Amino acid sequence: MKQGDVVIMETAGGGGYGLPEERALEAIAADVKAGYISKRWAQERYQVVFRGDVIDAAATEMRRRERALTRTRLRVEAVDEDSFWEGRRRFQLHQKTCQAFGIDASRGRETLVELLNLNGAPLRGWAVSADDGNEGSIRLGPVAQRILRVSAGDAVTLCVLDGGDAHE
C-alpha cells in the first residue's frame, strides 16, 4: 500500500435474534426514517407494507400471516459432517418435507432457506431433497448445530427464502 491508498472493508451485519417479522413496526419506521435501512429492504426483510411513507399496520399483519405459512418447525437429526457443495452449505430434507413447503429439489434444484433458533444465530443454506431420512426433520452437522445452538431432537424454524436455483 502507498500513502493515499484507500482500503474498503465490507462485513456482514449481525444476524440478530428472533423472527424479523415480529419486529415492532415503530422500530422499523424509525430505522427507515433515520436512513439505517431503505423502505425496499424493510418491506423485504421485515414484511411491512408502506402506504406512502407510513407503514400500513393492517396490510402488514396480513402480509406477515402469509409469510408465516412458508415457515415450519423441523426436528434436528445429527450427522457427522456438515454438507457443502461447491462452497455452498446444504441442508438435506426428506422429499415429502420439500413437497410440503414448496421446495422444488428435483433435477438438481436447490432452494435458499434460513434456519432459526431463538437461542443461536440464524443460518442460511440450500435445501436439497434426500432419498432417506425422516419426514419433518433436517440433517445438521456439528458446525451447524453449534451455530444454531441445537442438538439432535431439538426443533429449528425453517424459512423458505426463494423458489430454487438450478445446478447441473
Protein backbone atom coordinates (compact mmCIF):
# COMPACT_ATOMS: atom_id res chain seq x y z
CA MET A 1 0.00 0.00 0.00
CA LYS A 2 1.04 3.53 -0.67
CA GLN A 3 0.17 6.75 1.09
CA GLY A 4 -3.22 7.95 -0.13
CA ASP A 5 -4.49 4.46 -0.97
CA VAL A 6 -7.94 3.68 0.35
CA VAL A 7 -8.91 0.34 1.83
CA ILE A 8 -12.59 -0.52 1.91
CA MET A 9 -13.80 -3.45 4.00
CA GLU A 10 -17.35 -4.70 3.94
CA THR A 11 -18.58 -7.14 6.54
CA ALA A 12 -21.91 -8.75 7.24
CA GLY A 13 -24.06 -7.20 9.91
CA GLY A 14 -25.24 -9.14 12.90
CA GLY A 15 -27.93 -11.71 12.20
CA GLY A 16 -30.00 -10.63 15.16
CA TYR A 17 -32.30 -12.87 17.14
CA GLY A 18 -35.88 -13.80 16.61
CA LEU A 19 -38.11 -13.59 13.59
CA PRO A 20 -37.68 -10.38 11.58
CA GLU A 21 -41.43 -10.06 11.00
CA GLU A 22 -42.03 -9.91 14.74
CA ARG A 23 -40.06 -6.66 14.98
CA ALA A 24 -42.11 -3.70 16.21
CA LEU A 25 -43.46 -1.50 13.42
CA GLU A 26 -42.40 1.64 15.27
CA ALA A 27 -38.79 0.44 15.40
CA ILE A 28 -38.80 -0.36 11.68
CA ALA A 29 -40.32 3.04 10.83
CA ALA A 30 -37.67 4.77 12.96
CA ASP A 31 -34.86 2.88 11.19
CA VAL A 32 -36.25 3.85 7.78
CA LYS A 33 -36.64 7.49 8.82
CA ALA A 34 -33.06 7.56 10.17
CA GLY A 35 -31.76 6.03 6.94
CA TYR A 36 -30.45 2.84 8.57
CA ILE A 37 -32.48 0.75 6.12
CA SER A 38 -34.37 1.53 2.93
CA LYS A 39 -38.12 1.13 2.51
CA ARG A 40 -37.45 -1.63 0.00
CA TRP A 41 -35.27 -3.53 2.47
CA ALA A 42 -37.82 -3.03 5.26
CA GLN A 43 -40.53 -4.45 3.01
CA GLU A 44 -38.42 -7.46 2.06
CA ARG A 45 -36.83 -8.28 5.39
CA TYR A 46 -39.49 -7.25 7.90
CA GLN A 47 -42.53 -7.96 5.71
CA VAL A 48 -44.03 -4.48 6.16
CA VAL A 49 -46.34 -2.69 3.75
CA PHE A 50 -45.93 1.04 3.17
CA ARG A 51 -48.65 3.45 2.07
CA GLY A 52 -46.54 6.40 1.03
CA ASP A 53 -44.03 6.87 3.85
CA VAL A 54 -46.22 5.27 6.54
CA ILE A 55 -46.39 1.58 7.47
CA ASP A 56 -49.90 0.21 6.97
CA ALA A 57 -50.39 -1.90 10.11
CA ALA A 58 -53.39 -3.91 8.83
CA ALA A 59 -51.79 -4.74 5.47
CA THR A 60 -48.53 -5.58 7.24
CA GLU A 61 -50.33 -8.00 9.58
CA MET A 62 -51.89 -9.76 6.58
CA ARG A 63 -48.55 -9.99 4.78
CA ARG A 64 -46.84 -11.33 7.88
CA ARG A 65 -49.54 -14.01 8.30
CA GLU A 66 -48.97 -15.09 4.69
CA ARG A 67 -45.23 -15.25 5.34
CA ALA A 68 -45.82 -17.46 8.38
CA LEU A 69 -47.26 -20.09 6.04
CA THR A 70 -43.79 -20.50 4.49
CA ARG A 71 -42.28 -21.46 7.85
CA THR A 72 -42.18 -24.76 9.66
CA ARG A 73 -40.51 -26.35 12.62
CA LEU A 74 -38.23 -29.29 11.85
CA ARG A 75 -36.64 -31.78 14.21
CA VAL A 76 -32.83 -31.87 14.10
CA GLU A 77 -31.12 -35.08 13.02
CA ALA A 78 -27.43 -35.01 13.89
CA VAL A 79 -24.97 -36.17 11.22
CA ASP A 80 -21.19 -36.49 11.42
CA GLU A 81 -20.34 -33.79 8.87
CA ASP A 82 -21.84 -30.56 7.61
CA SER A 83 -22.90 -30.79 3.97
CA PHE A 84 -21.36 -28.45 1.37
CA TRP A 85 -21.29 -28.46 -2.42
CA GLU A 86 -19.10 -26.00 -4.34
CA GLY A 87 -18.75 -23.91 -1.20
CA ARG A 88 -22.50 -23.74 -0.56
CA ARG A 89 -23.99 -25.04 2.68
CA ARG A 90 -26.66 -27.65 2.02
CA PHE A 91 -29.46 -28.92 4.23
CA GLN A 92 -30.86 -32.35 3.43
CA LEU A 93 -34.64 -32.64 3.76
CA HIS A 94 -36.92 -35.61 3.20
CA GLN A 95 -38.67 -35.44 -0.18
CA LYS A 96 -42.11 -35.11 1.44
CA THR A 97 -40.88 -32.22 3.60
CA CYS A 98 -39.64 -30.47 0.45
CA GLN A 99 -43.00 -31.02 -1.24
CA ALA A 100 -44.98 -29.81 1.77
CA PHE A 101 -43.25 -26.44 1.72
CA GLY A 102 -42.97 -25.87 -2.00
CA ILE A 103 -39.27 -26.60 -2.18
CA ASP A 104 -38.52 -27.83 -5.68
CA ALA A 105 -35.50 -30.03 -5.11
CA SER A 106 -35.93 -32.01 -8.31
CA ARG A 107 -33.33 -32.32 -11.05
CA GLY A 108 -30.51 -30.70 -9.10
CA ARG A 109 -32.52 -27.70 -7.91
CA GLU A 110 -31.74 -26.08 -4.59
CA THR A 111 -33.82 -23.61 -2.61
CA LEU A 112 -32.35 -20.93 -0.34
CA VAL A 113 -33.63 -21.34 3.21
CA GLU A 114 -32.84 -19.89 6.61
CA LEU A 115 -32.86 -21.81 9.87
CA LEU A 116 -33.77 -20.01 13.07
CA ASN A 117 -33.47 -20.93 16.70
CA LEU A 118 -34.03 -18.21 19.26
CA ASN A 119 -31.00 -19.42 21.26
CA GLY A 120 -28.49 -19.17 18.41
CA ALA A 121 -27.63 -17.24 15.29
CA PRO A 122 -29.66 -17.69 12.07
CA LEU A 123 -28.10 -19.94 9.45
CA ARG A 124 -28.70 -19.89 5.69
CA GLY A 125 -28.11 -22.66 3.23
CA TRP A 126 -29.57 -24.51 0.27
CA ALA A 127 -32.28 -27.12 0.80
CA VAL A 128 -31.87 -30.33 -1.17
CA SER A 129 -34.02 -33.41 -1.30
CA ALA A 130 -32.73 -36.58 0.37
CA ASP A 131 -33.91 -40.06 -0.55
CA ASP A 132 -33.62 -41.24 3.02
CA GLY A 133 -34.01 -39.57 6.39
CA ASN A 134 -37.19 -38.76 8.23
CA GLU A 135 -40.10 -36.61 7.17
CA GLY A 136 -40.30 -33.41 9.25
CA SER A 137 -36.61 -33.44 10.12
CA ILE A 138 -33.45 -31.74 8.90
CA ARG A 139 -29.93 -33.14 8.96
CA LEU A 140 -27.37 -30.87 10.60
CA GLY A 141 -23.67 -31.39 11.06
CA PRO A 142 -21.69 -30.32 14.14
CA VAL A 143 -20.86 -26.79 12.92
CA ALA A 144 -24.47 -26.00 12.02
CA GLN A 145 -25.58 -27.36 15.39
CA ARG A 146 -23.09 -25.08 17.19
CA ILE A 147 -24.16 -22.00 15.21
CA LEU A 148 -27.85 -22.65 15.92
CA ARG A 149 -27.17 -23.92 19.46
CA VAL A 150 -29.18 -27.09 18.91
CA SER A 151 -28.63 -30.83 19.20
CA ALA A 152 -30.36 -33.97 17.96
CA GLY A 153 -34.08 -33.91 18.72
CA ASP A 154 -34.32 -30.11 19.10
CA ALA A 155 -36.50 -28.10 16.73
CA VAL A 156 -35.50 -25.30 14.34
CA THR A 157 -37.69 -22.99 12.27
CA LEU A 158 -37.27 -23.28 8.51
CA CYS A 159 -37.93 -20.17 6.41
CA VAL A 160 -38.08 -20.54 2.63
CA LEU A 161 -36.31 -17.55 1.07
CA ASP A 162 -36.51 -18.28 -2.65
CA GLY A 163 -38.04 -20.60 -5.20
CA GLY A 164 -34.97 -22.53 -6.26
CA ASP A 165 -31.79 -22.32 -8.26
CA ALA A 166 -30.87 -24.96 -10.84
CA HIS A 167 -27.41 -26.51 -10.73
CA GLU A 168 -26.30 -29.04 -13.30
